[in-house]
């Protein structure tokens, strides 16, 4: 007959190995070439053709500019185009929506950002001029 304890140990060992492999750190997404040229700091995003006030954003990681329609949301990204002066990325945010963004670098402190997608169940289609205005400004005590 079968040695039940030996079989059980092998099953448990296999499950532990599978669990260990499943919790390994995910591969880091490749860095887009254009992001290496964008300066960090306080940025103003002004919507093209709009008289609305500019949106201010502290950028410590230029990759946040890829999903301004879903700031602070965990999203997966698919790179469509990666060049030294531009990039196009499609991203999906489970439960929050998705988008497609194209960044075009004019200078390390000025870029053109086109983004469209779905956020909160509603469509968005925005065209921004993004300009670095200086260092990030504190938002109040403790920041």
N, C-alpha and C. Protein backbone atom coordinates (compact mmCIF):
# COMPACT_ATOMS: atom_id res chain seq x y z
N UNK A 1 0.82 -1.18 0.00
CA UNK A 1 0.00 0.00 0.00
C UNK A 1 0.88 1.26 0.00
N UNK A 2 0.21 2.40 -0.08
CA UNK A 2 0.88 3.69 -0.11
C UNK A 2 1.26 4.13 1.29
N UNK A 3 2.38 4.84 1.39
CA UNK A 3 2.80 5.44 2.65
C UNK A 3 2.14 6.82 2.70
N UNK A 4 1.02 6.92 3.42
CA UNK A 4 0.21 8.13 3.47
C UNK A 4 1.00 9.32 4.00
N UNK A 5 1.81 9.11 5.03
CA UNK A 5 2.59 10.21 5.59
C UNK A 5 3.59 10.76 4.57
N UNK A 6 4.25 9.87 3.84
CA UNK A 6 5.22 10.31 2.85
C UNK A 6 4.53 11.10 1.73
N UNK A 7 3.40 10.63 1.30
CA UNK A 7 2.65 11.35 0.25
C UNK A 7 2.18 12.70 0.77
N UNK A 8 1.68 12.74 2.01
CA UNK A 8 1.22 13.99 2.60
C UNK A 8 2.36 14.99 2.71
N UNK A 9 3.56 14.53 3.12
CA UNK A 9 4.72 15.42 3.22
C UNK A 9 5.08 15.99 1.85
N UNK A 10 5.03 15.17 0.83
CA UNK A 10 5.35 15.65 -0.52
C UNK A 10 4.34 16.69 -1.00
N UNK A 11 3.08 16.45 -0.70
CA UNK A 11 2.04 17.40 -1.09
C UNK A 11 2.25 18.73 -0.37
N UNK A 12 2.49 18.67 0.94
CA UNK A 12 2.73 19.90 1.72
C UNK A 12 3.97 20.61 1.20
N UNK A 13 5.05 19.88 0.93
CA UNK A 13 6.27 20.49 0.41
C UNK A 13 6.01 21.17 -0.93
N UNK A 14 5.23 20.52 -1.78
CA UNK A 14 4.89 21.10 -3.08
C UNK A 14 4.06 22.36 -2.94
N UNK A 15 3.11 22.34 -2.00
CA UNK A 15 2.28 23.53 -1.77
C UNK A 15 3.12 24.68 -1.21
N UNK A 16 4.03 24.37 -0.29
CA UNK A 16 4.90 25.41 0.26
C UNK A 16 5.80 26.01 -0.83
N UNK A 17 6.33 25.18 -1.70
CA UNK A 17 7.16 25.67 -2.80
C UNK A 17 6.34 26.54 -3.73
N UNK A 18 5.13 26.11 -4.07
CA UNK A 18 4.27 26.90 -4.95
C UNK A 18 3.93 28.23 -4.30
N UNK A 19 3.65 28.22 -3.01
CA UNK A 19 3.32 29.46 -2.31
C UNK A 19 4.52 30.40 -2.29
N UNK A 20 5.70 29.84 -2.06
CA UNK A 20 6.91 30.67 -2.03
C UNK A 20 7.18 31.30 -3.40
N UNK A 21 7.01 30.53 -4.44
CA UNK A 21 7.20 31.08 -5.79
C UNK A 21 6.14 32.10 -6.13
N UNK A 22 4.92 31.88 -5.67
CA UNK A 22 3.82 32.80 -5.96
C UNK A 22 3.95 34.12 -5.23
N UNK A 23 4.70 34.17 -4.12
CA UNK A 23 4.84 35.41 -3.38
C UNK A 23 6.16 36.10 -3.66
N UNK A 24 6.92 35.59 -4.60
CA UNK A 24 8.17 36.24 -4.95
C UNK A 24 7.86 37.64 -5.47
N UNK A 25 8.80 38.54 -5.30
CA UNK A 25 8.59 39.92 -5.73
C UNK A 25 8.35 39.96 -7.24
N UNK A 26 7.36 40.73 -7.67
CA UNK A 26 7.10 40.83 -9.11
C UNK A 26 8.24 41.53 -9.82
N UNK A 27 8.40 41.20 -11.09
CA UNK A 27 9.44 41.85 -11.88
C UNK A 27 9.14 43.34 -11.98
N UNK A 28 10.17 44.15 -11.84
CA UNK A 28 10.01 45.60 -11.92
C UNK A 28 9.75 45.98 -13.37
N UNK A 29 8.77 46.86 -13.55
CA UNK A 29 8.44 47.31 -14.90
C UNK A 29 9.63 48.06 -15.49
N UNK A 30 9.86 47.93 -16.78
CA UNK A 30 10.98 48.63 -17.39
C UNK A 30 10.78 50.15 -17.31
N UNK A 31 11.86 50.87 -17.11
CA UNK A 31 11.82 52.33 -17.05
C UNK A 31 11.72 52.87 -18.47
N UNK A 32 10.77 53.75 -18.71
CA UNK A 32 10.63 54.36 -20.02
C UNK A 32 11.73 55.39 -20.23
N UNK A 33 12.26 55.46 -21.43
CA UNK A 33 13.38 56.36 -21.74
C UNK A 33 13.02 57.82 -21.46
N UNK A 34 11.84 58.26 -21.82
CA UNK A 34 11.46 59.66 -21.64
C UNK A 34 11.42 60.06 -20.16
N UNK A 35 11.06 59.13 -19.28
CA UNK A 35 10.94 59.46 -17.86
C UNK A 35 12.27 59.87 -17.25
N UNK A 36 13.37 59.33 -17.78
CA UNK A 36 14.69 59.67 -17.27
C UNK A 36 15.06 61.13 -17.51
N UNK A 37 14.37 61.80 -18.43
CA UNK A 37 14.67 63.18 -18.79
C UNK A 37 13.76 64.19 -18.10
N UNK A 38 12.74 63.73 -17.39
CA UNK A 38 11.78 64.63 -16.75
C UNK A 38 12.24 64.95 -15.34
N UNK A 39 12.31 66.24 -15.02
CA UNK A 39 12.74 66.66 -13.69
C UNK A 39 11.62 66.47 -12.67
N UNK A 40 12.01 66.10 -11.46
CA UNK A 40 11.04 65.99 -10.37
C UNK A 40 10.80 67.38 -9.78
N UNK A 41 9.70 67.50 -9.02
CA UNK A 41 9.37 68.78 -8.39
C UNK A 41 7.90 69.10 -8.56
N UNK A 42 7.56 70.36 -8.35
CA UNK A 42 6.17 70.83 -8.48
C UNK A 42 5.89 71.10 -9.96
N UNK A 43 4.79 70.54 -10.44
CA UNK A 43 4.39 70.71 -11.84
C UNK A 43 2.99 71.31 -11.91
N UNK A 44 2.77 72.14 -12.91
CA UNK A 44 1.43 72.65 -13.21
C UNK A 44 0.95 72.02 -14.49
N UNK A 45 -0.26 71.48 -14.45
CA UNK A 45 -0.87 70.90 -15.64
C UNK A 45 -2.01 71.82 -16.06
N UNK A 46 -1.85 72.43 -17.22
CA UNK A 46 -2.86 73.35 -17.73
C UNK A 46 -3.54 72.69 -18.93
N UNK A 47 -4.86 72.56 -18.83
CA UNK A 47 -5.61 71.92 -19.89
C UNK A 47 -5.65 72.84 -21.11
N UNK A 48 -5.30 72.29 -22.26
CA UNK A 48 -5.28 73.06 -23.51
C UNK A 48 -6.68 73.59 -23.83
N UNK A 49 -6.76 74.87 -24.17
CA UNK A 49 -8.02 75.48 -24.57
C UNK A 49 -8.98 75.74 -23.43
N UNK A 50 -8.54 75.62 -22.19
CA UNK A 50 -9.42 75.81 -21.05
C UNK A 50 -8.99 77.04 -20.25
N UNK A 51 -9.96 77.70 -19.65
CA UNK A 51 -9.65 78.83 -18.77
C UNK A 51 -9.64 78.40 -17.30
N UNK A 52 -9.85 77.10 -17.07
CA UNK A 52 -9.84 76.57 -15.70
C UNK A 52 -8.45 76.74 -15.09
N UNK A 53 -8.39 76.89 -13.78
CA UNK A 53 -7.08 77.00 -13.12
C UNK A 53 -6.22 75.75 -13.39
N UNK A 54 -4.92 75.98 -13.43
CA UNK A 54 -4.00 74.85 -13.65
C UNK A 54 -4.05 73.91 -12.46
N UNK A 55 -3.83 72.65 -12.73
CA UNK A 55 -3.77 71.61 -11.70
C UNK A 55 -2.32 71.52 -11.24
N UNK A 56 -2.10 71.52 -9.94
CA UNK A 56 -0.75 71.44 -9.39
C UNK A 56 -0.48 70.03 -8.88
N UNK A 57 0.72 69.52 -9.15
CA UNK A 57 1.05 68.14 -8.81
C UNK A 57 2.51 68.07 -8.39
N UNK A 58 2.78 67.50 -7.21
CA UNK A 58 4.15 67.26 -6.77
C UNK A 58 4.60 65.93 -7.39
N UNK A 59 5.64 65.99 -8.19
CA UNK A 59 6.12 64.81 -8.92
C UNK A 59 7.46 64.38 -8.34
N UNK A 60 7.42 63.32 -7.51
CA UNK A 60 8.66 62.75 -6.99
C UNK A 60 9.11 61.60 -7.88
N UNK A 61 8.17 61.03 -8.65
CA UNK A 61 8.46 59.98 -9.62
C UNK A 61 7.74 60.36 -10.91
N UNK A 62 8.46 60.68 -11.97
CA UNK A 62 7.82 61.10 -13.22
C UNK A 62 6.80 60.10 -13.77
N UNK A 63 6.85 58.84 -13.35
CA UNK A 63 5.89 57.85 -13.83
C UNK A 63 4.46 58.21 -13.44
N UNK A 64 4.25 59.04 -12.41
CA UNK A 64 2.88 59.43 -12.03
C UNK A 64 2.21 60.22 -13.15
N UNK A 65 3.01 60.84 -14.00
CA UNK A 65 2.44 61.61 -15.12
C UNK A 65 1.79 60.70 -16.16
N UNK A 66 2.09 59.41 -16.10
CA UNK A 66 1.49 58.47 -17.05
C UNK A 66 0.03 58.19 -16.75
N UNK A 67 -0.40 58.42 -15.52
CA UNK A 67 -1.79 58.12 -15.18
C UNK A 67 -2.41 59.23 -14.34
N UNK A 68 -2.41 60.46 -14.88
CA UNK A 68 -2.99 61.59 -14.15
C UNK A 68 -4.50 61.45 -14.00
N UNK A 69 -5.11 60.59 -14.77
CA UNK A 69 -6.54 60.32 -14.61
C UNK A 69 -6.82 59.35 -13.47
N UNK A 70 -5.79 58.73 -12.94
CA UNK A 70 -5.92 57.74 -11.85
C UNK A 70 -4.76 57.90 -10.88
N UNK A 71 -4.56 59.11 -10.36
CA UNK A 71 -3.45 59.39 -9.44
C UNK A 71 -3.63 58.58 -8.15
N UNK A 72 -2.56 57.94 -7.72
CA UNK A 72 -2.57 57.19 -6.47
C UNK A 72 -3.22 55.83 -6.54
N UNK A 73 -3.62 55.38 -7.72
CA UNK A 73 -4.29 54.09 -7.88
C UNK A 73 -3.27 53.09 -8.43
N UNK A 74 -3.30 51.86 -7.92
CA UNK A 74 -2.41 50.80 -8.38
C UNK A 74 -2.90 50.30 -9.74
N UNK A 75 -2.09 50.43 -10.76
CA UNK A 75 -2.49 50.06 -12.12
C UNK A 75 -1.38 49.24 -12.79
N UNK A 76 -1.77 48.38 -13.71
CA UNK A 76 -0.79 47.69 -14.55
C UNK A 76 -0.63 48.49 -15.83
N UNK A 77 0.54 48.44 -16.42
CA UNK A 77 0.83 49.25 -17.61
C UNK A 77 1.33 48.39 -18.75
N UNK A 78 0.92 48.78 -19.95
CA UNK A 78 1.40 48.15 -21.18
C UNK A 78 2.01 49.25 -22.03
N UNK A 79 3.29 49.13 -22.35
CA UNK A 79 4.00 50.14 -23.13
C UNK A 79 3.69 49.95 -24.61
N UNK A 80 3.14 50.98 -25.22
CA UNK A 80 2.83 50.97 -26.65
C UNK A 80 4.00 51.53 -27.45
N UNK A 81 4.59 52.63 -26.94
CA UNK A 81 5.71 53.27 -27.62
C UNK A 81 6.67 53.82 -26.59
N UNK A 82 7.96 53.64 -26.80
CA UNK A 82 8.99 54.11 -25.88
C UNK A 82 10.13 54.70 -26.69
N UNK A 83 10.23 56.03 -26.67
CA UNK A 83 11.29 56.73 -27.39
C UNK A 83 11.95 57.71 -26.40
N UNK A 84 13.13 58.24 -26.74
CA UNK A 84 13.80 59.16 -25.81
C UNK A 84 13.02 60.43 -25.51
N UNK A 85 12.17 60.87 -26.45
CA UNK A 85 11.43 62.11 -26.22
C UNK A 85 9.92 61.94 -26.13
N UNK A 86 9.43 60.70 -26.13
CA UNK A 86 7.99 60.47 -26.00
C UNK A 86 7.72 59.02 -25.59
N UNK A 87 6.53 58.81 -25.06
CA UNK A 87 6.11 57.46 -24.69
C UNK A 87 4.59 57.41 -24.72
N UNK A 88 4.05 56.26 -25.07
CA UNK A 88 2.62 56.01 -25.01
C UNK A 88 2.41 54.73 -24.21
N UNK A 89 1.52 54.83 -23.22
CA UNK A 89 1.28 53.72 -22.31
C UNK A 89 -0.22 53.53 -22.14
N UNK A 90 -0.66 52.28 -22.16
CA UNK A 90 -2.04 51.95 -21.79
C UNK A 90 -1.97 51.36 -20.40
N UNK A 91 -2.87 51.80 -19.51
CA UNK A 91 -2.86 51.25 -18.16
C UNK A 91 -4.26 50.81 -17.76
N UNK A 92 -4.31 49.83 -16.88
CA UNK A 92 -5.56 49.27 -16.37
C UNK A 92 -5.50 49.28 -14.85
N UNK A 93 -6.55 49.82 -14.23
CA UNK A 93 -6.63 49.93 -12.78
C UNK A 93 -7.87 49.15 -12.33
N UNK A 94 -7.69 47.91 -11.87
CA UNK A 94 -8.84 47.09 -11.49
C UNK A 94 -9.78 47.81 -10.51
N UNK A 95 -11.04 47.88 -10.90
CA UNK A 95 -12.05 48.52 -10.08
C UNK A 95 -12.11 50.03 -10.20
N UNK A 96 -11.14 50.63 -10.93
CA UNK A 96 -11.10 52.09 -11.04
C UNK A 96 -11.19 52.60 -12.47
N UNK A 97 -10.88 51.75 -13.45
CA UNK A 97 -10.94 52.17 -14.84
C UNK A 97 -9.65 51.88 -15.58
N UNK A 98 -9.42 52.65 -16.64
CA UNK A 98 -8.24 52.45 -17.47
C UNK A 98 -7.96 53.73 -18.24
N UNK A 99 -6.81 53.78 -18.91
CA UNK A 99 -6.48 54.96 -19.69
C UNK A 99 -5.33 54.70 -20.64
N UNK A 100 -5.12 55.68 -21.47
CA UNK A 100 -4.01 55.67 -22.43
C UNK A 100 -3.41 57.07 -22.41
N UNK A 101 -2.11 57.14 -22.18
CA UNK A 101 -1.44 58.43 -22.06
C UNK A 101 -0.25 58.48 -23.00
N UNK A 102 -0.08 59.64 -23.64
CA UNK A 102 1.10 59.92 -24.44
C UNK A 102 1.79 61.14 -23.84
N UNK A 103 3.07 60.97 -23.49
CA UNK A 103 3.92 62.07 -23.00
C UNK A 103 4.86 62.46 -24.12
N UNK A 104 4.94 63.75 -24.41
CA UNK A 104 5.89 64.25 -25.40
C UNK A 104 6.75 65.30 -24.73
N UNK A 105 8.04 65.07 -24.66
CA UNK A 105 8.98 65.94 -23.97
C UNK A 105 9.42 67.08 -24.87
N UNK A 106 9.23 68.31 -24.38
CA UNK A 106 9.77 69.48 -25.07
C UNK A 106 11.15 69.80 -24.47
N UNK A 107 11.18 69.91 -23.13
CA UNK A 107 12.41 70.08 -22.35
C UNK A 107 12.20 69.28 -21.07
N UNK A 108 13.25 69.12 -20.23
CA UNK A 108 13.05 68.40 -18.97
C UNK A 108 12.04 69.06 -18.03
N UNK A 109 11.65 70.32 -18.33
CA UNK A 109 10.71 71.07 -17.50
C UNK A 109 9.41 71.42 -18.21
N UNK A 110 9.23 70.93 -19.43
CA UNK A 110 8.02 71.23 -20.19
C UNK A 110 7.66 70.02 -21.05
N UNK A 111 6.42 69.58 -20.93
CA UNK A 111 5.98 68.46 -21.75
C UNK A 111 4.52 68.59 -22.11
N UNK A 112 4.14 67.84 -23.11
CA UNK A 112 2.76 67.77 -23.58
C UNK A 112 2.23 66.41 -23.17
N UNK A 113 1.06 66.39 -22.58
CA UNK A 113 0.49 65.16 -22.04
C UNK A 113 -0.93 65.01 -22.58
N UNK A 114 -1.19 63.94 -23.30
CA UNK A 114 -2.53 63.61 -23.79
C UNK A 114 -2.97 62.33 -23.09
N UNK A 115 -4.15 62.35 -22.49
CA UNK A 115 -4.63 61.17 -21.80
C UNK A 115 -6.13 61.01 -21.99
N UNK A 116 -6.56 59.79 -22.09
CA UNK A 116 -7.98 59.50 -22.23
C UNK A 116 -8.27 58.15 -21.62
N UNK A 117 -9.50 57.96 -21.18
CA UNK A 117 -9.87 56.68 -20.60
C UNK A 117 -11.17 56.76 -19.84
N UNK A 118 -11.30 55.88 -18.85
CA UNK A 118 -12.50 55.81 -18.01
C UNK A 118 -12.03 55.88 -16.56
N UNK A 119 -12.61 56.79 -15.78
CA UNK A 119 -12.32 56.91 -14.35
C UNK A 119 -13.64 57.09 -13.61
N UNK A 120 -13.87 56.29 -12.60
CA UNK A 120 -15.12 56.39 -11.84
C UNK A 120 -16.34 56.17 -12.70
N UNK A 121 -16.22 55.37 -13.73
CA UNK A 121 -17.34 55.07 -14.61
C UNK A 121 -17.61 56.13 -15.67
N UNK A 122 -16.83 57.20 -15.69
CA UNK A 122 -17.04 58.29 -16.66
C UNK A 122 -15.82 58.42 -17.58
N UNK A 123 -16.06 58.76 -18.84
CA UNK A 123 -14.93 58.94 -19.77
C UNK A 123 -14.21 60.27 -19.51
N UNK A 124 -12.93 60.28 -19.83
CA UNK A 124 -12.16 61.53 -19.82
C UNK A 124 -11.27 61.55 -21.05
N UNK A 125 -11.00 62.75 -21.55
CA UNK A 125 -10.15 62.95 -22.71
C UNK A 125 -9.51 64.32 -22.51
N UNK A 126 -8.27 64.34 -22.06
CA UNK A 126 -7.62 65.58 -21.65
C UNK A 126 -6.30 65.78 -22.38
N UNK A 127 -6.00 67.04 -22.63
CA UNK A 127 -4.78 67.44 -23.31
C UNK A 127 -4.15 68.53 -22.44
N UNK A 128 -2.98 68.24 -21.86
CA UNK A 128 -2.34 69.17 -20.94
C UNK A 128 -1.00 69.66 -21.46
N UNK A 129 -0.67 70.90 -21.08
CA UNK A 129 0.70 71.37 -21.13
C UNK A 129 1.17 71.25 -19.68
N UNK A 130 2.23 70.52 -19.45
CA UNK A 130 2.76 70.34 -18.09
C UNK A 130 4.08 71.08 -18.00
N UNK A 131 4.19 71.90 -16.94
CA UNK A 131 5.37 72.73 -16.77
C UNK A 131 5.87 72.63 -15.33
N UNK A 132 7.17 72.36 -15.16
CA UNK A 132 7.75 72.32 -13.82
C UNK A 132 7.87 73.75 -13.32
N UNK A 133 7.41 73.99 -12.09
CA UNK A 133 7.42 75.35 -11.53
C UNK A 133 8.42 75.52 -10.40
N UNK A 134 9.04 74.44 -9.94
CA UNK A 134 10.02 74.54 -8.85
C UNK A 134 10.00 73.30 -7.99
N UNK A 135 10.50 73.46 -6.78
CA UNK A 135 10.51 72.34 -5.83
C UNK A 135 9.09 72.12 -5.32
N UNK A 136 8.82 70.92 -4.84
CA UNK A 136 7.51 70.62 -4.26
C UNK A 136 7.28 71.50 -3.04
N UNK A 137 6.06 71.97 -2.91
CA UNK A 137 5.72 72.82 -1.78
C UNK A 137 5.00 72.00 -0.73
N UNK A 138 5.34 72.19 0.54
CA UNK A 138 4.66 71.46 1.61
C UNK A 138 3.18 71.82 1.65
N UNK A 139 2.35 70.85 2.04
CA UNK A 139 0.91 71.07 2.09
C UNK A 139 0.42 71.43 3.48
N UNK A 140 1.28 71.50 4.43
CA UNK A 140 0.86 71.84 5.79
C UNK A 140 1.71 71.10 6.80
N UNK A 141 1.34 71.16 8.08
CA UNK A 141 2.13 70.52 9.13
C UNK A 141 2.31 69.03 8.86
N UNK A 142 3.52 68.58 9.07
CA UNK A 142 3.82 67.16 8.92
C UNK A 142 4.06 66.70 7.50
N UNK A 143 4.02 67.58 6.54
CA UNK A 143 4.24 67.17 5.15
C UNK A 143 5.58 67.64 4.65
